[in-house]
């Protein structure tokens, strides 16, 4: 898909992509740039369950790094 960037720098995320990513009006997106790519990710709220999940993933990663 091709999106055109007008003078104001705004662009439209095509409907098919919004549906696949479950993005709806009012959702917030994290936007970044890496390796020549503009990356957009739907922002996820930090619920207690999400924080636990992130911390468990981080602690597993740290353990693997120390074993390597």
C-alpha atoms as a PDB file:
ATOM      1  CA  UNK A   1       0.000   0.000   0.000  1.00  0.00           C
ATOM      2  CA  UNK A   2       1.133   3.517  -0.664  1.00  0.00           C
ATOM      3  CA  UNK A   3       0.314   6.504   1.533  1.00  0.00           C
ATOM      4  CA  UNK A   4       1.046  10.051   0.411  1.00  0.00           C
ATOM      5  CA  UNK A   5       2.373  12.651   2.854  1.00  0.00           C
ATOM      6  CA  UNK A   6       0.818  16.087   2.293  1.00  0.00           C
ATOM      7  CA  UNK A   7       2.373  19.456   3.205  1.00  0.00           C
ATOM      8  CA  UNK A   8       1.232  19.254   6.858  1.00  0.00           C
ATOM      9  CA  UNK A   9       3.052  15.906   7.291  1.00  0.00           C
ATOM     10  CA  UNK A  10      -0.071  13.952   8.175  1.00  0.00           C
ATOM     11  CA  UNK A  11      -0.866  10.623   6.615  1.00  0.00           C
ATOM     12  CA  UNK A  12      -3.719   8.137   6.761  1.00  0.00           C
ATOM     13  CA  UNK A  13      -3.294   4.567   7.943  1.00  0.00           C
ATOM     14  CA  UNK A  14      -5.229   2.489   5.404  1.00  0.00           C
ATOM     15  CA  UNK A  15      -8.427   0.927   6.752  1.00  0.00           C
ATOM     16  CA  UNK A  16      -7.241  -2.646   6.134  1.00  0.00           C
ATOM     17  CA  UNK A  17      -4.126  -2.052   8.254  1.00  0.00           C
ATOM     18  CA  UNK A  18      -6.136  -0.316  11.004  1.00  0.00           C
ATOM     19  CA  UNK A  19      -8.427  -3.342  11.127  1.00  0.00           C
ATOM     20  CA  UNK A  20      -5.513  -5.824  11.289  1.00  0.00           C
ATOM     21  CA  UNK A  21      -3.887  -3.796  14.093  1.00  0.00           C
ATOM     22  CA  UNK A  22      -7.252  -3.175  15.804  1.00  0.00           C
ATOM     23  CA  UNK A  23      -6.617   0.571  15.783  1.00  0.00           C
ATOM     24  CA  UNK A  24      -9.679   2.734  16.287  1.00  0.00           C
ATOM     25  CA  UNK A  25     -10.336   6.474  16.595  1.00  0.00           C
ATOM     26  CA  UNK A  26      -8.795   7.870  19.766  1.00  0.00           C
ATOM     27  CA  UNK A  27      -6.133   5.146  20.146  1.00  0.00           C
ATOM     28  CA  UNK A  28      -2.608   6.353  20.836  1.00  0.00           C
ATOM     29  CA  UNK A  29       0.359   5.148  18.801  1.00  0.00           C
ATOM     30  CA  UNK A  30       4.046   5.057  19.651  1.00  0.00           C
ATOM     31  CA  UNK A  31       6.002   6.278  16.621  1.00  0.00           C
ATOM     32  CA  UNK A  32       9.696   5.674  16.041  1.00  0.00           C
ATOM     33  CA  UNK A  33      12.374   5.444  13.395  1.00  0.00           C
ATOM     34  CA  UNK A  34      14.773   2.518  13.082  1.00  0.00           C
ATOM     35  CA  UNK A  35      16.949   1.230  10.257  1.00  0.00           C
ATOM     36  CA  UNK A  36      15.263   3.353   7.611  1.00  0.00           C
ATOM     37  CA  UNK A  37      11.753   2.361   8.731  1.00  0.00           C
ATOM     38  CA  UNK A  38       9.073   4.479  10.342  1.00  0.00           C
ATOM     39  CA  UNK A  39       7.509   2.241  12.975  1.00  0.00           C
ATOM     40  CA  UNK A  40       4.083   2.762  14.533  1.00  0.00           C
ATOM     41  CA  UNK A  41       2.816   0.619  17.387  1.00  0.00           C
ATOM     42  CA  UNK A  42      -0.501   0.766  19.199  1.00  0.00           C
ATOM     43  CA  UNK A  43       0.184   1.964  22.723  1.00  0.00           C
ATOM     44  CA  UNK A  44      -0.831  -0.531  25.397  1.00  0.00           C
ATOM     45  CA  UNK A  45      -1.871   0.593  28.852  1.00  0.00           C
ATOM     46  CA  UNK A  46       0.202  -0.661  31.759  1.00  0.00           C
ATOM     47  CA  UNK A  47      -2.169  -2.832  33.730  1.00  0.00           C
ATOM     48  CA  UNK A  48      -0.805  -4.776  36.716  1.00  0.00           C
ATOM     49  CA  UNK A  49      -0.874  -7.974  34.605  1.00  0.00           C
ATOM     50  CA  UNK A  50       1.082  -6.275  31.789  1.00  0.00           C
ATOM     51  CA  UNK A  51       3.699  -4.960  34.237  1.00  0.00           C
ATOM     52  CA  UNK A  52       4.151  -8.483  35.664  1.00  0.00           C
ATOM     53  CA  UNK A  53       4.499  -9.892  32.151  1.00  0.00           C
ATOM     54  CA  UNK A  54       7.103  -7.285  31.181  1.00  0.00           C
ATOM     55  CA  UNK A  55       9.066  -7.831  34.394  1.00  0.00           C
ATOM     56  CA  UNK A  56       9.017 -11.615  33.990  1.00  0.00           C
ATOM     57  CA  UNK A  57      10.278 -11.264  30.417  1.00  0.00           C
ATOM     58  CA  UNK A  58      13.002  -8.880  31.569  1.00  0.00           C
ATOM     59  CA  UNK A  59      14.132 -11.137  34.415  1.00  0.00           C
ATOM     60  CA  UNK A  60      14.270 -14.177  32.086  1.00  0.00           C
ATOM     61  CA  UNK A  61      16.326 -12.179  29.607  1.00  0.00           C
ATOM     62  CA  UNK A  62      18.722 -11.033  32.333  1.00  0.00           C
ATOM     63  CA  UNK A  63      19.127 -14.622  33.559  1.00  0.00           C
ATOM     64  CA  UNK A  64      19.868 -15.858  30.036  1.00  0.00           C
ATOM     65  CA  UNK A  65      22.443 -13.086  29.553  1.00  0.00           C
ATOM     66  CA  UNK A  66      24.241 -14.010  32.766  1.00  0.00           C
ATOM     67  CA  UNK A  67      24.326 -17.706  31.825  1.00  0.00           C
ATOM     68  CA  UNK A  68      25.677 -17.059  28.317  1.00  0.00           C
END
